C-alpha atoms as a PDB file:
ATOM      1  CA  UNK A   1      41.881  -5.356  11.278  1.00  0.00           C
ATOM      2  CA  UNK A   2      42.712  -1.236   9.949  1.00  0.00           C
ATOM      3  CA  UNK A   3      43.308   1.368  12.652  1.00  0.00           C
ATOM      4  CA  UNK A   4      40.912   3.613  12.800  1.00  0.00           C
ATOM      5  CA  UNK A   5      42.790   6.379  11.310  1.00  0.00           C
ATOM      6  CA  UNK A   6      42.772   4.317   8.066  1.00  0.00           C
ATOM      7  CA  UNK A   7      39.341   2.963   8.285  1.00  0.00           C
ATOM      8  CA  UNK A   8      38.049   7.275   8.573  1.00  0.00           C
ATOM      9  CA  UNK A   9      40.073   7.899   5.490  1.00  0.00           C
ATOM     10  CA  UNK A  10      37.723   4.864   3.903  1.00  0.00           C
ATOM     11  CA  UNK A  11      35.321   6.275   4.408  1.00  0.00           C
ATOM     12  CA  UNK A  12      36.212   9.188   3.594  1.00  0.00           C
ATOM     13  CA  UNK A  13      36.341   7.751  -0.347  1.00  0.00           C
ATOM     14  CA  UNK A  14      32.675   6.087   0.406  1.00  0.00           C
ATOM     15  CA  UNK A  15      34.017   2.793   0.574  1.00  0.00           C
ATOM     16  CA  UNK A  16      31.777   0.046   2.138  1.00  0.00           C
ATOM     17  CA  UNK A  17      33.553  -1.640   3.205  1.00  0.00           C
ATOM     18  CA  UNK A  18      34.777   0.896   5.631  1.00  0.00           C
ATOM     19  CA  UNK A  19      32.105   2.663   6.451  1.00  0.00           C
ATOM     20  CA  UNK A  20      30.449  -1.165   7.784  1.00  0.00           C
ATOM     21  CA  UNK A  21      33.747  -1.605  10.151  1.00  0.00           C
ATOM     22  CA  UNK A  22      33.255   2.235  11.173  1.00  0.00           C
ATOM     23  CA  UNK A  23      29.601   1.078  11.932  1.00  0.00           C
ATOM     24  CA  UNK A  24      30.271  -2.304  13.752  1.00  0.00           C
ATOM     25  CA  UNK A  25      33.118  -0.302  15.642  1.00  0.00           C
ATOM     26  CA  UNK A  26      30.650   2.033  17.303  1.00  0.00           C
ATOM     27  CA  UNK A  27      27.008   0.480  16.934  1.00  0.00           C
ATOM     28  CA  UNK A  28      27.526  -1.515  20.424  1.00  0.00           C
ATOM     29  CA  UNK A  29      28.499   1.653  22.471  1.00  0.00           C
ATOM     30  CA  UNK A  30      25.837   3.934  20.484  1.00  0.00           C
ATOM     31  CA  UNK A  31      22.952   2.315  20.066  1.00  0.00           C
ATOM     32  CA  UNK A  32      23.147   1.905  24.325  1.00  0.00           C
ATOM     33  CA  UNK A  33      23.839   5.685  24.068  1.00  0.00           C
ATOM     34  CA  UNK A  34      20.137   6.152  21.892  1.00  0.00           C
ATOM     35  CA  UNK A  35      18.546   4.335  24.183  1.00  0.00           C
ATOM     36  CA  UNK A  36      19.540   6.953  27.320  1.00  0.00           C
ATOM     37  CA  UNK A  37      17.802   9.076  24.903  1.00  0.00           C
ATOM     38  CA  UNK A  38      14.861   6.880  22.608  1.00  0.00           C
ATOM     39  CA  UNK A  39      11.569   5.829  24.585  1.00  0.00           C
ATOM     40  CA  UNK A  40      12.171   2.071  22.842  1.00  0.00           C
ATOM     41  CA  UNK A  41      14.471   0.026  21.314  1.00  0.00           C
ATOM     42  CA  UNK A  42      13.079   0.294  17.557  1.00  0.00           C
ATOM     43  CA  UNK A  43      13.357   4.473  19.262  1.00  0.00           C
ATOM     44  CA  UNK A  44      16.680   4.061  20.251  1.00  0.00           C
ATOM     45  CA  UNK A  45      17.485   1.801  16.640  1.00  0.00           C
ATOM     46  CA  UNK A  46      16.040   4.981  14.581  1.00  0.00           C
ATOM     47  CA  UNK A  47      18.844   7.467  16.352  1.00  0.00           C
ATOM     48  CA  UNK A  48      21.482   4.989  15.859  1.00  0.00           C
ATOM     49  CA  UNK A  49      20.413   4.878  11.844  1.00  0.00           C
ATOM     50  CA  UNK A  50      19.993   8.574  11.730  1.00  0.00           C
ATOM     51  CA  UNK A  51      23.407   9.304  13.448  1.00  0.00           C
ATOM     52  CA  UNK A  52      25.513   6.891  11.248  1.00  0.00           C
ATOM     53  CA  UNK A  53      23.494   8.026   8.520  1.00  0.00           C
ATOM     54  CA  UNK A  54      24.706  11.561   9.207  1.00  0.00           C
ATOM     55  CA  UNK A  55      28.054  10.594  10.953  1.00  0.00           C
ATOM     56  CA  UNK A  56      29.295   8.817   7.054  1.00  0.00           C
ATOM     57  CA  UNK A  57      28.151  12.032   5.036  1.00  0.00           C
ATOM     58  CA  UNK A  58      29.628  14.749   7.085  1.00  0.00           C
ATOM     59  CA  UNK A  59      33.105  12.564   7.957  1.00  0.00           C
ATOM     60  CA  UNK A  60      34.555  15.493   5.274  1.00  0.00           C
ATOM     61  CA  UNK A  61      33.545  18.133   8.203  1.00  0.00           C
ATOM     62  CA  UNK A  62      35.756  15.735  11.121  1.00  0.00           C
ATOM     63  CA  UNK A  63      39.255  18.070  11.134  1.00  0.00           C
ATOM     64  CA  UNK A  64      41.032  15.247  12.653  1.00  0.00           C
ATOM     65  CA  UNK A  65      41.575  17.805  15.838  1.00  0.00           C
ATOM     66  CA  UNK A  66      40.434  16.375  18.868  1.00  0.00           C
ATOM     67  CA  UNK A  67      38.556  13.037  19.842  1.00  0.00           C
ATOM     68  CA  UNK A  68      36.742  11.423  16.732  1.00  0.00           C
ATOM     69  CA  UNK A  69      34.764   9.243  18.821  1.00  0.00           C
ATOM     70  CA  UNK A  70      33.301  12.508  20.795  1.00  0.00           C
ATOM     71  CA  UNK A  71      32.463  13.899  17.191  1.00  0.00           C
ATOM     72  CA  UNK A  72      30.251  11.160  16.770  1.00  0.00           C
ATOM     73  CA  UNK A  73      28.869  10.940  20.269  1.00  0.00           C
ATOM     74  CA  UNK A  74      27.798  15.011  19.630  1.00  0.00           C
ATOM     75  CA  UNK A  75      26.173  14.363  15.841  1.00  0.00           C
ATOM     76  CA  UNK A  76      24.489  11.354  17.946  1.00  0.00           C
ATOM     77  CA  UNK A  77      23.215  13.485  21.088  1.00  0.00           C
ATOM     78  CA  UNK A  78      22.286  16.144  18.730  1.00  0.00           C
ATOM     79  CA  UNK A  79      20.094  13.826  16.281  1.00  0.00           C
ATOM     80  CA  UNK A  80      17.736  12.090  19.651  1.00  0.00           C
ATOM     81  CA  UNK A  81      17.181  15.806  20.781  1.00  0.00           C
ATOM     82  CA  UNK A  82      15.857  16.586  17.094  1.00  0.00           C
ATOM     83  CA  UNK A  83      14.324  12.674  17.410  1.00  0.00           C
ATOM     84  CA  UNK A  84      12.555  13.865  20.555  1.00  0.00           C
ATOM     85  CA  UNK A  85      12.018  17.309  19.224  1.00  0.00           C
ATOM     86  CA  UNK A  86      10.124  15.894  16.369  1.00  0.00           C
ATOM     87  CA  UNK A  87       8.481  13.000  18.366  1.00  0.00           C
ATOM     88  CA  UNK A  88       6.565  15.869  20.554  1.00  0.00           C
ATOM     89  CA  UNK A  89       3.104  16.757  19.184  1.00  0.00           C
ATOM     90  CA  UNK A  90       3.348  19.926  21.412  1.00  0.00           C
ATOM     91  CA  UNK A  91       5.911  22.688  22.263  1.00  0.00           C
ATOM     92  CA  UNK A  92       9.107  21.764  23.663  1.00  0.00           C
ATOM     93  CA  UNK A  93       9.006  23.778  26.407  1.00  0.00           C
ATOM     94  CA  UNK A  94       5.037  22.973  27.478  1.00  0.00           C
ATOM     95  CA  UNK A  95       6.675  19.795  28.633  1.00  0.00           C
ATOM     96  CA  UNK A  96       8.278  21.284  31.072  1.00  0.00           C
ATOM     97  CA  UNK A  97       5.310  23.367  31.998  1.00  0.00           C
ATOM     98  CA  UNK A  98       2.970  20.055  32.552  1.00  0.00           C
ATOM     99  CA  UNK A  99       4.709  19.267  35.313  1.00  0.00           C
ATOM    100  CA  UNK A 100       3.661  20.157  38.617  1.00  0.00           C
ATOM    101  CA  UNK A 101       5.862  21.774  40.156  1.00  0.00           C
ATOM    102  CA  UNK A 102       7.882  19.710  43.557  1.00  0.00           C
ATOM    103  CA  UNK A 103      10.039  20.998  46.453  1.00  0.00           C
ATOM    104  CA  UNK A 104      13.211  20.134  45.197  1.00  0.00           C
ATOM    105  CA  UNK A 105      15.916  19.315  47.963  1.00  0.00           C
ATOM    106  CA  UNK A 106      19.496  18.351  47.129  1.00  0.00           C
ATOM    107  CA  UNK A 107      18.756  14.872  46.734  1.00  0.00           C
ATOM    108  CA  UNK A 108      21.954  12.002  47.003  1.00  0.00           C
ATOM    109  CA  UNK A 109      21.609   9.389  44.188  1.00  0.00           C
ATOM    110  CA  UNK A 110      24.135   6.801  45.691  1.00  0.00           C
ATOM    111  CA  UNK A 111      24.411   4.003  42.663  1.00  0.00           C
ATOM    112  CA  UNK A 112      26.390   1.541  44.487  1.00  0.00           C
ATOM    113  CA  UNK A 113      23.289  -0.564  45.651  1.00  0.00           C
ATOM    114  CA  UNK A 114      22.088  -1.265  41.929  1.00  0.00           C
ATOM    115  CA  UNK A 115      23.365  -2.125  38.770  1.00  0.00           C
ATOM    116  CA  UNK A 116      23.426  -0.662  35.861  1.00  0.00           C
ATOM    117  CA  UNK A 117      20.740  -1.999  34.012  1.00  0.00           C
ATOM    118  CA  UNK A 118      18.656  -0.961  36.754  1.00  0.00           C
ATOM    119  CA  UNK A 119      20.362   2.406  37.243  1.00  0.00           C
ATOM    120  CA  UNK A 120      19.235   2.516  33.879  1.00  0.00           C
ATOM    121  CA  UNK A 121      16.011   1.215  33.709  1.00  0.00           C
ATOM    122  CA  UNK A 122      14.906   3.886  36.614  1.00  0.00           C
ATOM    123  CA  UNK A 123      16.209   6.742  34.247  1.00  0.00           C
ATOM    124  CA  UNK A 124      14.193   5.513  31.345  1.00  0.00           C
ATOM    125  CA  UNK A 125      11.177   5.460  32.863  1.00  0.00           C
ATOM    126  CA  UNK A 126      11.878   9.593  33.363  1.00  0.00           C
ATOM    127  CA  UNK A 127       9.852  11.646  31.999  1.00  0.00           C
ATOM    128  CA  UNK A 128      10.754  13.356  28.661  1.00  0.00           C
ATOM    129  CA  UNK A 129      12.538  15.949  29.226  1.00  0.00           C
ATOM    130  CA  UNK A 130      13.493  15.339  31.269  1.00  0.00           C
ATOM    131  CA  UNK A 131      15.413  12.431  30.737  1.00  0.00           C
ATOM    132  CA  UNK A 132      17.122  14.050  28.270  1.00  0.00           C
ATOM    133  CA  UNK A 133      18.700  16.868  30.674  1.00  0.00           C
ATOM    134  CA  UNK A 134      19.575  14.176  33.470  1.00  0.00           C
ATOM    135  CA  UNK A 135      21.739  12.626  30.371  1.00  0.00           C
ATOM    136  CA  UNK A 136      22.995  15.373  28.575  1.00  0.00           C
ATOM    137  CA  UNK A 137      24.468  16.903  32.851  1.00  0.00           C
ATOM    138  CA  UNK A 138      25.006  13.958  34.085  1.00  0.00           C
ATOM    139  CA  UNK A 139      25.836  11.164  32.291  1.00  0.00           C
ATOM    140  CA  UNK A 140      27.627  13.223  29.035  1.00  0.00           C
ATOM    141  CA  UNK A 141      29.281  16.134  30.723  1.00  0.00           C
ATOM    142  CA  UNK A 142      27.560  18.903  29.172  1.00  0.00           C
ATOM    143  CA  UNK A 143      27.598  21.863  31.107  1.00  0.00           C
ATOM    144  CA  UNK A 144      23.873  23.537  31.538  1.00  0.00           C
ATOM    145  CA  UNK A 145      25.196  26.541  29.487  1.00  0.00           C
ATOM    146  CA  UNK A 146      25.523  23.968  26.449  1.00  0.00           C
ATOM    147  CA  UNK A 147      21.999  21.715  27.100  1.00  0.00           C
ATOM    148  CA  UNK A 148      19.952  25.411  27.459  1.00  0.00           C
ATOM    149  CA  UNK A 149      21.903  25.833  24.117  1.00  0.00           C
ATOM    150  CA  UNK A 150      21.326  22.889  21.836  1.00  0.00           C
ATOM    151  CA  UNK A 151      17.494  22.948  23.514  1.00  0.00           C
ATOM    152  CA  UNK A 152      16.695  26.672  22.965  1.00  0.00           C
ATOM    153  CA  UNK A 153      15.740  26.991  27.110  1.00  0.00           C
ATOM    154  CA  UNK A 154      17.234  28.773  29.695  1.00  0.00           C
ATOM    155  CA  UNK A 155      20.667  27.986  31.942  1.00  0.00           C
ATOM    156  CA  UNK A 156      17.767  28.402  35.286  1.00  0.00           C
ATOM    157  CA  UNK A 157      15.448  25.331  33.403  1.00  0.00           C
ATOM    158  CA  UNK A 158      18.206  23.011  32.705  1.00  0.00           C
ATOM    159  CA  UNK A 159      19.422  23.451  36.043  1.00  0.00           C
ATOM    160  CA  UNK A 160      15.625  23.345  37.710  1.00  0.00           C
ATOM    161  CA  UNK A 161      14.603  20.507  35.554  1.00  0.00           C
ATOM    162  CA  UNK A 162      18.118  18.415  35.800  1.00  0.00           C
ATOM    163  CA  UNK A 163      16.899  19.091  39.978  1.00  0.00           C
ATOM    164  CA  UNK A 164      13.611  17.408  39.406  1.00  0.00           C
ATOM    165  CA  UNK A 165      14.726  14.460  37.365  1.00  0.00           C
ATOM    166  CA  UNK A 166      17.528  13.830  39.689  1.00  0.00           C
ATOM    167  CA  UNK A 167      14.474  14.224  42.719  1.00  0.00           C
ATOM    168  CA  UNK A 168      12.413  12.335  40.807  1.00  0.00           C
ATOM    169  CA  UNK A 169      15.414   9.593  39.988  1.00  0.00           C
ATOM    170  CA  UNK A 170      15.637   9.096  43.988  1.00  0.00           C
ATOM    171  CA  UNK A 171      12.261   8.432  44.394  1.00  0.00           C
ATOM    172  CA  UNK A 172      12.137   5.486  41.193  1.00  0.00           C
ATOM    173  CA  UNK A 173      15.576   4.378  43.470  1.00  0.00           C
ATOM    174  CA  UNK A 174      14.154   4.683  46.837  1.00  0.00           C
ATOM    175  CA  UNK A 175      11.413   2.442  45.493  1.00  0.00           C
ATOM    176  CA  UNK A 176      13.173  -0.010  43.196  1.00  0.00           C
ATOM    177  CA  UNK A 177      15.289  -0.794  46.910  1.00  0.00           C
ATOM    178  CA  UNK A 178      11.872  -0.747  49.890  1.00  0.00           C
ATOM    179  CA  UNK A 179      10.598  -3.697  46.634  1.00  0.00           C
ATOM    180  CA  UNK A 180      14.523  -5.024  47.454  1.00  0.00           C
ATOM    181  CA  UNK A 181      13.724  -5.503  50.999  1.00  0.00           C
ATOM    182  CA  UNK A 182      10.704  -6.897  50.838  1.00  0.00           C
ATOM    183  CA  UNK A 183      11.374  -9.607  47.917  1.00  0.00           C
ATOM    184  CA  UNK A 184      14.530 -10.435  50.823  1.00  0.00           C
ATOM    185  CA  UNK A 185      12.028 -10.367  53.539  1.00  0.00           C
ATOM    186  CA  UNK A 186       9.966 -13.153  51.950  1.00  0.00           C
END
């Protein structure tokens, strides 16, 4: 199998074989990332396909400095955000404002008690806006300033929505923990 640099060079020449190799190499990882942003498996698959179309049509723009995978992930995340915005029938900011104000404390999420699948399922149950900010900050590692720029919101909104997402996630995980304990007592 050719190395990544050969695959990239082939993709820049629009070679179908190289494009297929790149897709096969990264599709499983990227589908998992897309699933964190989509509402369903179909959404995730749409985000994945749209992202790869963009990656392959813009591969000449990759400057070969920095991580190629990071460059592709940025396209994937931006595509997911675009997909989210397009799917909304109302203003992005209204989605945040429509959620009741909650008294937010500093929640500590202990993930040692939960499987990866349980955590991802709980994250996917968050409202869309919260889920996107949580994913961008906690999982993808973006700063609140970067998230604010991407989503056209204030840094304060990003921080407060992240705090609310953590609080909601903590509640969901506590409920899951209670269910597990209840099941074990039976």
